[in-house]
Amino acid sequence: MKKKIIYVCASMAGLFIFLNWFCPVKRFLGVICPTCGMSRALISLLRLDVGGYFHYNAMALPMAAVLLLGMFYSKISDKLMKRISLLMIILVCAVNLVYYIGRCRHLI
């Protein structure tokens, strides 16, 4: 069941990226979300366009790393590593929130 959800989410994300569909949060609510521009930023980075990466969302790479860490969090058996991983997840999410607030203030 869990794999099926991951496949569906990955497929939808792929469609949004490759077909240039709209961002549902921005389209329906009219505001950017904390992860707005992450797909475009990561695609820019894959194209070696560092300027484009920072233009779209400078927190895309740390958030992607935290997403991967979160996916494998239950597989970590060492207590110290588990605490460090959780601390990293919380820290990156907190920094992303501050970055998001800064981006929103810039848009006003």
PDB file of N, CA and C in Angstrom:
ATOM      1  N   MET A   1       0.831  -1.194   0.000  1.00  0.00           N
ATOM      2  CA  MET A   1       0.000   0.000   0.000  1.00  0.00           C
ATOM      3  C   MET A   1       0.878   1.262   0.000  1.00  0.00           C
ATOM      4  N   LYS A   2       1.926   1.246   0.843  1.00  0.00           N
ATOM      5  CA  LYS A   2       2.796   2.410   0.943  1.00  0.00           C
ATOM      6  C   LYS A   2       3.521   2.660  -0.381  1.00  0.00           C
ATOM      7  N   LYS A   3       3.960   1.585  -1.028  1.00  0.00           N
ATOM      8  CA  LYS A   3       4.646   1.724  -2.317  1.00  0.00           C
ATOM      9  C   LYS A   3       3.698   2.276  -3.371  1.00  0.00           C
ATOM     10  N   LYS A   4       2.450   1.866  -3.309  1.00  0.00           N
ATOM     11  CA  LYS A   4       1.460   2.323  -4.278  1.00  0.00           C
ATOM     12  C   LYS A   4       1.255   3.834  -4.148  1.00  0.00           C
ATOM     13  N   ILE A   5       1.200   4.338  -2.927  1.00  0.00           N
ATOM     14  CA  ILE A   5       1.039   5.770  -2.693  1.00  0.00           C
ATOM     15  C   ILE A   5       2.253   6.529  -3.221  1.00  0.00           C
ATOM     16  N   ILE A   6       3.445   6.001  -2.976  1.00  0.00           N
ATOM     17  CA  ILE A   6       4.672   6.647  -3.458  1.00  0.00           C
ATOM     18  C   ILE A   6       4.681   6.685  -4.987  1.00  0.00           C
ATOM     19  N   TYR A   7       4.283   5.593  -5.623  1.00  0.00           N
ATOM     20  CA  TYR A   7       4.249   5.560  -7.088  1.00  0.00           C
ATOM     21  C   TYR A   7       3.250   6.570  -7.646  1.00  0.00           C
ATOM     22  N   VAL A   8       2.092   6.668  -7.026  1.00  0.00           N
ATOM     23  CA  VAL A   8       1.076   7.619  -7.490  1.00  0.00           C
ATOM     24  C   VAL A   8       1.581   9.049  -7.325  1.00  0.00           C
ATOM     25  N   CYS A   9       2.168   9.356  -6.174  1.00  0.00           N
ATOM     26  CA  CYS A   9       2.693  10.706  -5.932  1.00  0.00           C
ATOM     27  C   CYS A   9       3.830  11.035  -6.901  1.00  0.00           C
ATOM     28  N   ALA A  10       4.719  10.090  -7.119  1.00  0.00           N
ATOM     29  CA  ALA A  10       5.829  10.313  -8.046  1.00  0.00           C
ATOM     30  C   ALA A  10       5.318  10.501  -9.468  1.00  0.00           C
ATOM     31  N   SER A  11       4.309   9.735  -9.847  1.00  0.00           N
ATOM     32  CA  SER A  11       3.733   9.879 -11.190  1.00  0.00           C
ATOM     33  C   SER A  11       3.087  11.242 -11.356  1.00  0.00           C
ATOM     34  N   MET A  12       2.335  11.679 -10.361  1.00  0.00           N
ATOM     35  CA  MET A  12       1.701  13.000 -10.432  1.00  0.00           C
ATOM     36  C   MET A  12       2.747  14.102 -10.483  1.00  0.00           C
ATOM     37  N   ALA A  13       3.785  13.974  -9.689  1.00  0.00           N
ATOM     38  CA  ALA A  13       4.856  14.974  -9.701  1.00  0.00           C
ATOM     39  C   ALA A  13       5.525  15.005 -11.072  1.00  0.00           C
ATOM     40  N   GLY A  14       5.761  13.851 -11.647  1.00  0.00           N
ATOM     41  CA  GLY A  14       6.355  13.786 -12.976  1.00  0.00           C
ATOM     42  C   GLY A  14       5.484  14.457 -14.022  1.00  0.00           C
ATOM     43  N   LEU A  15       4.182  14.235 -13.932  1.00  0.00           N
ATOM     44  CA  LEU A  15       3.270  14.886 -14.871  1.00  0.00           C
ATOM     45  C   LEU A  15       3.295  16.397 -14.710  1.00  0.00           C
ATOM     46  N   PHE A  16       3.291  16.859 -13.470  1.00  0.00           N
ATOM     47  CA  PHE A  16       3.333  18.296 -13.223  1.00  0.00           C
ATOM     48  C   PHE A  16       4.616  18.904 -13.768  1.00  0.00           C
ATOM     49  N   ILE A  17       5.740  18.191 -13.603  1.00  0.00           N
ATOM     50  CA  ILE A  17       7.036  18.717 -14.044  1.00  0.00           C
ATOM     51  C   ILE A  17       7.140  18.711 -15.564  1.00  0.00           C
ATOM     52  N   PHE A  18       6.882  17.577 -16.174  1.00  0.00           N
ATOM     53  CA  PHE A  18       7.153  17.439 -17.598  1.00  0.00           C
ATOM     54  C   PHE A  18       6.060  18.030 -18.490  1.00  0.00           C
ATOM     55  N   LEU A  19       4.845  18.163 -17.984  1.00  0.00           N
ATOM     56  CA  LEU A  19       3.780  18.752 -18.786  1.00  0.00           C
ATOM     57  C   LEU A  19       3.552  20.224 -18.440  1.00  0.00           C
ATOM     58  N   ASN A  20       4.386  20.758 -17.545  1.00  0.00           N
ATOM     59  CA  ASN A  20       4.292  22.157 -17.120  1.00  0.00           C
ATOM     60  C   ASN A  20       2.897  22.517 -16.612  1.00  0.00           C
ATOM     61  N   TRP A  21       2.312  21.638 -15.825  1.00  0.00           N
ATOM     62  CA  TRP A  21       1.012  21.928 -15.242  1.00  0.00           C
ATOM     63  C   TRP A  21       1.181  22.977 -14.166  1.00  0.00           C
ATOM     64  N   PHE A  22       0.089  23.482 -13.706  1.00  0.00           N
ATOM     65  CA  PHE A  22       0.077  24.537 -12.702  1.00  0.00           C
ATOM     66  C   PHE A  22       0.319  23.997 -11.300  1.00  0.00           C
ATOM     67  N   CYS A  23       0.704  24.895 -10.427  1.00  0.00           N
ATOM     68  CA  CYS A  23       0.825  24.559  -9.005  1.00  0.00           C
ATOM     69  C   CYS A  23      -0.573  24.675  -8.390  1.00  0.00           C
ATOM     70  N   PRO A  24      -1.111  23.597  -7.833  1.00  0.00           N
ATOM     71  CA  PRO A  24      -2.480  23.658  -7.304  1.00  0.00           C
ATOM     72  C   PRO A  24      -2.645  24.644  -6.143  1.00  0.00           C
ATOM     73  N   VAL A  25      -1.646  24.763  -5.281  1.00  0.00           N
ATOM     74  CA  VAL A  25      -1.755  25.683  -4.143  1.00  0.00           C
ATOM     75  C   VAL A  25      -1.831  27.124  -4.641  1.00  0.00           C
ATOM     76  N   LYS A  26      -0.926  27.470  -5.536  1.00  0.00           N
ATOM     77  CA  LYS A  26      -0.905  28.841  -6.062  1.00  0.00           C
ATOM     78  C   LYS A  26      -2.149  29.124  -6.904  1.00  0.00           C
ATOM     79  N   ARG A  27      -2.587  28.134  -7.653  1.00  0.00           N
ATOM     80  CA  ARG A  27      -3.736  28.320  -8.542  1.00  0.00           C
ATOM     81  C   ARG A  27      -5.034  28.507  -7.771  1.00  0.00           C
ATOM     82  N   PHE A  28      -5.252  27.691  -6.736  1.00  0.00           N
ATOM     83  CA  PHE A  28      -6.535  27.724  -6.044  1.00  0.00           C
ATOM     84  C   PHE A  28      -6.563  28.661  -4.838  1.00  0.00           C
ATOM     85  N   LEU A  29      -5.424  28.840  -4.163  1.00  0.00           N
ATOM     86  CA  LEU A  29      -5.393  29.711  -2.993  1.00  0.00           C
ATOM     87  C   LEU A  29      -4.809  31.092  -3.286  1.00  0.00           C
ATOM     88  N   GLY A  30      -4.059  31.196  -4.376  1.00  0.00           N
ATOM     89  CA  GLY A  30      -3.502  32.482  -4.766  1.00  0.00           C
ATOM     90  C   GLY A  30      -2.235  32.883  -4.031  1.00  0.00           C
ATOM     91  N   VAL A  31      -1.653  31.973  -3.274  1.00  0.00           N
ATOM     92  CA  VAL A  31      -0.405  32.258  -2.557  1.00  0.00           C
ATOM     93  C   VAL A  31       0.606  31.155  -2.861  1.00  0.00           C
ATOM     94  N   ILE A  32       1.878  31.491  -2.717  1.00  0.00           N
ATOM     95  CA  ILE A  32       2.896  30.457  -2.889  1.00  0.00           C
ATOM     96  C   ILE A  32       2.976  29.621  -1.618  1.00  0.00           C
ATOM     97  N   CYS A  33       3.390  28.385  -1.766  1.00  0.00           N
ATOM     98  CA  CYS A  33       3.569  27.518  -0.601  1.00  0.00           C
ATOM     99  C   CYS A  33       5.056  27.473  -0.251  1.00  0.00           C
ATOM    100  N   PRO A  34       5.418  26.950   0.920  1.00  0.00           N
ATOM    101  CA  PRO A  34       6.828  26.901   1.317  1.00  0.00           C
ATOM    102  C   PRO A  34       7.719  26.111   0.358  1.00  0.00           C
ATOM    103  N   THR A  35       7.142  25.233  -0.430  1.00  0.00           N
ATOM    104  CA  THR A  35       7.947  24.443  -1.366  1.00  0.00           C
ATOM    105  C   THR A  35       7.797  24.927  -2.805  1.00  0.00           C
ATOM    106  N   CYS A  36       7.200  26.087  -2.987  1.00  0.00           N
ATOM    107  CA  CYS A  36       6.972  26.619  -4.336  1.00  0.00           C
ATOM    108  C   CYS A  36       8.303  26.816  -5.058  1.00  0.00           C
ATOM    109  N   GLY A  37       8.388  26.278  -6.257  1.00  0.00           N
ATOM    110  CA  GLY A  37       9.583  26.425  -7.075  1.00  0.00           C
ATOM    111  C   GLY A  37      10.607  25.326  -6.882  1.00  0.00           C
ATOM    112  N   MET A  38      10.328  24.358  -6.009  1.00  0.00           N
ATOM    113  CA  MET A  38      11.319  23.307  -5.762  1.00  0.00           C
ATOM    114  C   MET A  38      11.574  22.457  -7.002  1.00  0.00           C
ATOM    115  N   SER A  39      10.535  22.089  -7.709  1.00  0.00           N
ATOM    116  CA  SER A  39      10.719  21.265  -8.911  1.00  0.00           C
ATOM    117  C   SER A  39      11.529  22.021  -9.952  1.00  0.00           C
ATOM    118  N   ARG A  40      11.158  23.273 -10.193  1.00  0.00           N
ATOM    119  CA  ARG A  40      11.888  24.078 -11.179  1.00  0.00           C
ATOM    120  C   ARG A  40      13.330  24.302 -10.742  1.00  0.00           C
ATOM    121  N   ALA A  41      13.540  24.472  -9.431  1.00  0.00           N
ATOM    122  CA  ALA A  41      14.901  24.673  -8.929  1.00  0.00           C
ATOM    123  C   ALA A  41      15.748  23.423  -9.137  1.00  0.00           C
ATOM    124  N   LEU A  42      15.193  22.270  -8.832  1.00  0.00           N
ATOM    125  CA  LEU A  42      15.954  21.027  -9.003  1.00  0.00           C
ATOM    126  C   LEU A  42      16.214  20.728 -10.476  1.00  0.00           C
ATOM    127  N   ILE A  43      15.250  21.037 -11.332  1.00  0.00           N
ATOM    128  CA  ILE A  43      15.469  20.860 -12.769  1.00  0.00           C
ATOM    129  C   ILE A  43      16.567  21.804 -13.239  1.00  0.00           C
ATOM    130  N   SER A  44      16.560  23.046 -12.755  1.00  0.00           N
ATOM    131  CA  SER A  44      17.616  24.004 -13.111  1.00  0.00           C
ATOM    132  C   SER A  44      18.975  23.489 -12.667  1.00  0.00           C
ATOM    133  N   LEU A  45      19.026  22.912 -11.476  1.00  0.00           N
ATOM    134  CA  LEU A  45      20.286  22.380 -10.969  1.00  0.00           C
ATOM    135  C   LEU A  45      20.764  21.202 -11.816  1.00  0.00           C
ATOM    136  N   LEU A  46      19.843  20.359 -12.254  1.00  0.00           N
ATOM    137  CA  LEU A  46      20.214  19.243 -13.128  1.00  0.00           C
ATOM    138  C   LEU A  46      20.745  19.743 -14.468  1.00  0.00           C
ATOM    139  N   ARG A  47      20.281  20.910 -14.881  1.00  0.00           N
ATOM    140  CA  ARG A  47      20.767  21.518 -16.130  1.00  0.00           C
ATOM    141  C   ARG A  47      22.016  22.371 -15.895  1.00  0.00           C
ATOM    142  N   LEU A  48      22.539  22.322 -14.665  1.00  0.00           N
ATOM    143  CA  LEU A  48      23.725  23.078 -14.251  1.00  0.00           C
ATOM    144  C   LEU A  48      23.505  24.593 -14.299  1.00  0.00           C
ATOM    145  N   ASP A  49      22.267  25.016 -14.121  1.00  0.00           N
ATOM    146  CA  ASP A  49      21.908  26.428 -14.076  1.00  0.00           C
ATOM    147  C   ASP A  49      21.769  26.830 -12.608  1.00  0.00           C
ATOM    148  N   VAL A  50      22.887  27.149 -11.986  1.00  0.00           N
ATOM    149  CA  VAL A  50      22.903  27.463 -10.552  1.00  0.00           C
ATOM    150  C   VAL A  50      22.112  28.737 -10.265  1.00  0.00           C
ATOM    151  N   GLY A  51      22.207  29.716 -11.151  1.00  0.00           N
ATOM    152  CA  GLY A  51      21.449  30.957 -10.971  1.00  0.00           C
ATOM    153  C   GLY A  51      19.953  30.706 -10.968  1.00  0.00           C
ATOM    154  N   GLY A  52      19.500  29.834 -11.879  1.00  0.00           N
ATOM    155  CA  GLY A  52      18.084  29.468 -11.928  1.00  0.00           C
ATOM    156  C   GLY A  52      17.653  28.736 -10.669  1.00  0.00           C
ATOM    157  N   TYR A  53      18.540  27.888 -10.171  1.00  0.00           N
ATOM    158  CA  TYR A  53      18.248  27.163  -8.928  1.00  0.00           C
ATOM    159  C   TYR A  53      17.965  28.138  -7.792  1.00  0.00           C
ATOM    160  N   PHE A  54      18.845  29.110  -7.599  1.00  0.00           N
ATOM    161  CA  PHE A  54      18.655  30.069  -6.512  1.00  0.00           C
ATOM    162  C   PHE A  54      17.476  30.998  -6.781  1.00  0.00           C
ATOM    163  N   HIS A  55      17.174  31.244  -8.042  1.00  0.00           N
ATOM    164  CA  HIS A  55      16.034  32.101  -8.376  1.00  0.00           C
ATOM    165  C   HIS A  55      14.712  31.437  -7.979  1.00  0.00           C
ATOM    166  N   TYR A  56      14.578  30.153  -8.273  1.00  0.00           N
ATOM    167  CA  TYR A  56      13.317  29.461  -8.018  1.00  0.00           C
ATOM    168  C   TYR A  56      13.117  29.121  -6.547  1.00  0.00           C
ATOM    169  N   ASN A  57      14.081  28.458  -5.918  1.00  0.00           N
ATOM    170  CA  ASN A  57      13.946  28.099  -4.504  1.00  0.00           C
ATOM    171  C   ASN A  57      15.280  27.556  -4.003  1.00  0.00           C
ATOM    172  N   ALA A  58      15.966  28.347  -3.205  1.00  0.00           N
ATOM    173  CA  ALA A  58      17.296  27.970  -2.719  1.00  0.00           C
ATOM    174  C   ALA A  58      17.251  26.832  -1.703  1.00  0.00           C
ATOM    175  N   MET A  59      16.084  26.528  -1.171  1.00  0.00           N
ATOM    176  CA  MET A  59      15.965  25.453  -0.179  1.00  0.00           C
ATOM    177  C   MET A  59      15.568  24.116  -0.808  1.00  0.00           C
ATOM    178  N   ALA A  60      15.542  24.043  -2.133  1.00  0.00           N
ATOM    179  CA  ALA A  60      15.079  22.826  -2.800  1.00  0.00           C
ATOM    180  C   ALA A  60      15.962  21.616  -2.492  1.00  0.00           C
ATOM    181  N   LEU A  61      17.260  21.782  -2.565  1.00  0.00           N
ATOM    182  CA  LEU A  61      18.165  20.653  -2.329  1.00  0.00           C
ATOM    183  C   LEU A  61      18.123  20.170  -0.874  1.00  0.00           C
ATOM    184  N   PRO A  62      18.209  21.074   0.122  1.00  0.00           N
ATOM    185  CA  PRO A  62      18.086  20.593   1.503  1.00  0.00           C
ATOM    186  C   PRO A  62      16.733  19.947   1.790  1.00  0.00           C
ATOM    187  N   MET A  63      15.655  20.497   1.215  1.00  0.00           N
ATOM    188  CA  MET A  63      14.334  19.899   1.445  1.00  0.00           C
ATOM    189  C   MET A  63      14.222  18.533   0.777  1.00  0.00           C
ATOM    190  N   ALA A  64      14.813  18.366  -0.398  1.00  0.00           N
ATOM    191  CA  ALA A  64      14.799  17.062  -1.062  1.00  0.00           C
ATOM    192  C   ALA A  64      15.587  16.042  -0.241  1.00  0.00           C
ATOM    193  N   ALA A  65      16.714  16.476   0.323  1.00  0.00           N
ATOM    194  CA  ALA A  65      17.516  15.578   1.170  1.00  0.00           C
ATOM    195  C   ALA A  65      16.738  15.171   2.416  1.00  0.00           C
ATOM    196  N   VAL A  66      16.031  16.118   3.007  1.00  0.00           N
ATOM    197  CA  VAL A  66      15.232  15.822   4.202  1.00  0.00           C
ATOM    198  C   VAL A  66      14.063  14.897   3.848  1.00  0.00           C
ATOM    199  N   LEU A  67      13.496  15.069   2.664  1.00  0.00           N
ATOM    200  CA  LEU A  67      12.426  14.184   2.221  1.00  0.00           C
ATOM    201  C   LEU A  67      12.933  12.750   2.120  1.00  0.00           C
ATOM    202  N   LEU A  68      14.103  12.582   1.527  1.00  0.00           N
ATOM    203  CA  LEU A  68      14.700  11.242   1.438  1.00  0.00           C
ATOM    204  C   LEU A  68      15.025  10.688   2.819  1.00  0.00           C
ATOM    205  N   LEU A  69      15.563  11.541   3.681  1.00  0.00           N
ATOM    206  CA  LEU A  69      15.883  11.115   5.044  1.00  0.00           C
ATOM    207  C   LEU A  69      14.612  10.688   5.768  1.00  0.00           C
ATOM    208  N   GLY A  70      13.551  11.438   5.584  1.00  0.00           N
ATOM    209  CA  GLY A  70      12.277  11.100   6.216  1.00  0.00           C
ATOM    210  C   GLY A  70      11.704   9.787   5.711  1.00  0.00           C
ATOM    211  N   MET A  71      11.916   9.512   4.434  1.00  0.00           N
ATOM    212  CA  MET A  71      11.406   8.266   3.865  1.00  0.00           C
ATOM    213  C   MET A  71      12.103   7.048   4.463  1.00  0.00           C
ATOM    214  N   PHE A  72      13.386   7.199   4.794  1.00  0.00           N
ATOM    215  CA  PHE A  72      14.152   6.075   5.335  1.00  0.00           C
ATOM    216  C   PHE A  72      14.355   6.172   6.840  1.00  0.00           C
ATOM    217  N   TYR A  73      13.667   7.103   7.492  1.00  0.00           N
ATOM    218  CA  TYR A  73      13.832   7.329   8.925  1.00  0.00           C
ATOM    219  C   TYR A  73      13.526   6.077   9.741  1.00  0.00           C
ATOM    220  N   SER A  74      12.499   5.346   9.356  1.00  0.00           N
ATOM    221  CA  SER A  74      12.121   4.148  10.125  1.00  0.00           C
ATOM    222  C   SER A  74      13.150   3.022   9.984  1.00  0.00           C
ATOM    223  N   LYS A  75      13.995   3.089   8.970  1.00  0.00           N
ATOM    224  CA  LYS A  75      15.013   2.058   8.758  1.00  0.00           C
ATOM    225  C   LYS A  75      16.258   2.275   9.619  1.00  0.00           C
ATOM    226  N   ILE A  76      16.400   3.463  10.207  1.00  0.00           N
ATOM    227  CA  ILE A  76      17.569   3.770  11.023  1.00  0.00           C
ATOM    228  C   ILE A  76      17.415   3.071  12.366  1.00  0.00           C
ATOM    229  N   SER A  77      18.398   2.281  12.744  1.00  0.00           N
ATOM    230  CA  SER A  77      18.279   1.507  13.985  1.00  0.00           C
ATOM    231  C   SER A  77      19.032   2.147  15.151  1.00  0.00           C
ATOM    232  N   ASP A  78      20.116   2.856  14.883  1.00  0.00           N
ATOM    233  CA  ASP A  78      20.920   3.465  15.939  1.00  0.00           C
ATOM    234  C   ASP A  78      20.174   4.657  16.545  1.00  0.00           C
ATOM    235  N   LYS A  79      20.047   4.678  17.883  1.00  0.00           N
ATOM    236  CA  LYS A  79      19.288   5.743  18.556  1.00  0.00           C
ATOM    237  C   LYS A  79      19.898   7.120  18.322  1.00  0.00           C
ATOM    238  N   LEU A  80      21.230   7.228  18.389  1.00  0.00           N
ATOM    239  CA  LEU A  80      21.887   8.518  18.202  1.00  0.00           C
ATOM    240  C   LEU A  80      21.664   9.029  16.774  1.00  0.00           C
ATOM    241  N   MET A  81      21.805   8.152  15.804  1.00  0.00           N
ATOM    242  CA  MET A  81      21.593   8.548  14.409  1.00  0.00           C
ATOM    243  C   MET A  81      20.140   8.944  14.168  1.00  0.00           C
ATOM    244  N   LYS A  82      19.234   8.270  14.843  1.00  0.00           N
ATOM    245  CA  LYS A  82      17.814   8.588  14.708  1.00  0.00           C
ATOM    246  C   LYS A  82      17.532   9.983  15.259  1.00  0.00           C
ATOM    247  N   ARG A  83      18.127  10.314  16.399  1.00  0.00           N
ATOM    248  CA  ARG A  83      17.943  11.646  16.983  1.00  0.00           C
ATOM    249  C   ARG A  83      18.578  12.721  16.118  1.00  0.00           C
ATOM    250  N   ILE A  84      19.763  12.446  15.594  1.00  0.00           N
ATOM    251  CA  ILE A  84      20.437  13.407  14.710  1.00  0.00           C
ATOM    252  C   ILE A  84      19.602  13.620  13.445  1.00  0.00           C
ATOM    253  N   SER A  85      19.058  12.549  12.890  1.00  0.00           N
ATOM    254  CA  SER A  85      18.233  12.652  11.693  1.00  0.00           C
ATOM    255  C   SER A  85      16.988  13.486  11.960  1.00  0.00           C
ATOM    256  N   LEU A  86      16.335  13.236  13.079  1.00  0.00           N
ATOM    257  CA  LEU A  86      15.143  14.003  13.433  1.00  0.00           C
ATOM    258  C   LEU A  86      15.481  15.478  13.635  1.00  0.00           C
ATOM    259  N   LEU A  87      16.614  15.747  14.273  1.00  0.00           N
ATOM    260  CA  LEU A  87      17.056  17.123  14.475  1.00  0.00           C
ATOM    261  C   LEU A  87      17.323  17.804  13.130  1.00  0.00           C
ATOM    262  N   MET A  88      17.933  17.085  12.196  1.00  0.00           N
ATOM    263  CA  MET A  88      18.196  17.646  10.863  1.00  0.00           C
ATOM    264  C   MET A  88      16.890  17.948  10.137  1.00  0.00           C
ATOM    265  N   ILE A  89      15.924  17.055  10.233  1.00  0.00           N
ATOM    266  CA  ILE A  89      14.625  17.267   9.590  1.00  0.00           C
ATOM    267  C   ILE A  89      13.966  18.515  10.153  1.00  0.00           C
ATOM    268  N   ILE A  90      13.944  18.648  11.478  1.00  0.00           N
ATOM    269  CA  ILE A  90      13.317  19.808  12.118  1.00  0.00           C
ATOM    270  C   ILE A  90      14.056  21.086  11.759  1.00  0.00           C
ATOM    271  N   LEU A  91      15.380  21.043  11.769  1.00  0.00           N
ATOM    272  CA  LEU A  91      16.181  22.228  11.473  1.00  0.00           C
ATOM    273  C   LEU A  91      15.975  22.712  10.036  1.00  0.00           C
ATOM    274  N   VAL A  92      16.016  21.801   9.080  1.00  0.00           N
ATOM    275  CA  VAL A  92      15.837  22.197   7.675  1.00  0.00           C
ATOM    276  C   VAL A  92      14.421  22.718   7.445  1.00  0.00           C
ATOM    277  N   CYS A  93      13.430  22.092   8.062  1.00  0.00           N
ATOM    278  CA  CYS A  93      12.055  22.584   7.920  1.00  0.00           C
ATOM    279  C   CYS A  93      11.901  23.970   8.546  1.00  0.00           C
ATOM    280  N   ALA A  94      12.546  24.210   9.677  1.00  0.00           N
ATOM    281  CA  ALA A  94      12.491  25.531  10.322  1.00  0.00           C
ATOM    282  C   ALA A  94      13.170  26.592   9.461  1.00  0.00           C
ATOM    283  N   VAL A  95      14.327  26.262   8.906  1.00  0.00           N
ATOM    284  CA  VAL A  95      15.034  27.204   8.019  1.00  0.00           C
ATOM    285  C   VAL A  95      14.192  27.467   6.774  1.00  0.00           C
ATOM    286  N   ASN A  96      13.537  26.430   6.250  1.00  0.00           N
ATOM    287  CA  ASN A  96      12.672  26.613   5.087  1.00  0.00           C
ATOM    288  C   ASN A  96      11.503  27.536   5.413  1.00  0.00           C
ATOM    289  N   LEU A  97      10.964  27.439   6.615  1.00  0.00           N
ATOM    290  CA  LEU A  97       9.871  28.318   7.025  1.00  0.00           C
ATOM    291  C   LEU A  97      10.330  29.772   7.080  1.00  0.00           C
ATOM    292  N   VAL A  98      11.505  30.011   7.624  1.00  0.00           N
ATOM    293  CA  VAL A  98      12.064  31.366   7.671  1.00  0.00           C
ATOM    294  C   VAL A  98      12.313  31.881   6.254  1.00  0.00           C
ATOM    295  N   TYR A  99      12.859  31.033   5.409  1.00  0.00           N
ATOM    296  CA  TYR A  99      13.106  31.393   4.006  1.00  0.00           C
ATOM    297  C   TYR A  99      11.789  31.729   3.302  1.00  0.00           C
ATOM    298  N   TYR A 100      10.749  30.952   3.580  1.00  0.00           N
ATOM    299  CA  TYR A 100       9.421  31.173   2.993  1.00  0.00           C
ATOM    300  C   TYR A 100       8.854  32.522   3.428  1.00  0.00           C
ATOM    301  N   ILE A 101       8.967  32.837   4.691  1.00  0.00           N
ATOM    302  CA  ILE A 101       8.471  34.118   5.187  1.00  0.00           C
ATOM    303  C   ILE A 101       9.216  35.266   4.506  1.00  0.00           C
ATOM    304  N   GLY A 102      10.527  35.102   4.326  1.00  0.00           N
ATOM    305  CA  GLY A 102      11.308  36.108   3.621  1.00  0.00           C
ATOM    306  C   GLY A 102      10.871  36.265   2.175  1.00  0.00           C
ATOM    307  N   ARG A 103      10.562  35.161   1.524  1.00  0.00           N
ATOM    308  CA  ARG A 103      10.084  35.229   0.137  1.00  0.00           C
ATOM    309  C   ARG A 103       8.729  35.903   0.069  1.00  0.00           C
ATOM    310  N   CYS A 104       7.860  35.615   1.019  1.00  0.00           N
ATOM    311  CA  CYS A 104       6.531  36.228   1.023  1.00  0.00           C
ATOM    312  C   CYS A 104       6.630  37.731   1.266  1.00  0.00           C
ATOM    313  N   ARG A 105       7.506  38.143   2.146  1.00  0.00           N
ATOM    314  CA  ARG A 105       7.676  39.586   2.415  1.00  0.00           C
ATOM    315  C   ARG A 105       8.188  40.292   1.174  1.00  0.00           C
ATOM    316  N   HIS A 106       9.034  39.599   0.415  1.00  0.00           N
ATOM    317  CA  HIS A 106       9.582  40.181  -0.808  1.00  0.00           C
ATOM    318  C   HIS A 106       8.482  40.378  -1.859  1.00  0.00           C
ATOM    319  N   LEU A 107       7.460  39.517  -1.857  1.00  0.00           N
ATOM    320  CA  LEU A 107       6.397  39.601  -2.854  1.00  0.00           C
ATOM    321  C   LEU A 107       5.375  40.684  -2.530  1.00  0.00           C
ATOM    322  N   ILE A 108       5.348  41.124  -1.280  1.00  0.00           N
ATOM    323  CA  ILE A 108       4.340  42.135  -0.875  1.00  0.00           C
ATOM    324  C   ILE A 108       4.727  43.512  -1.354  1.00  0.00           C
TER     325      ILE A 108
END
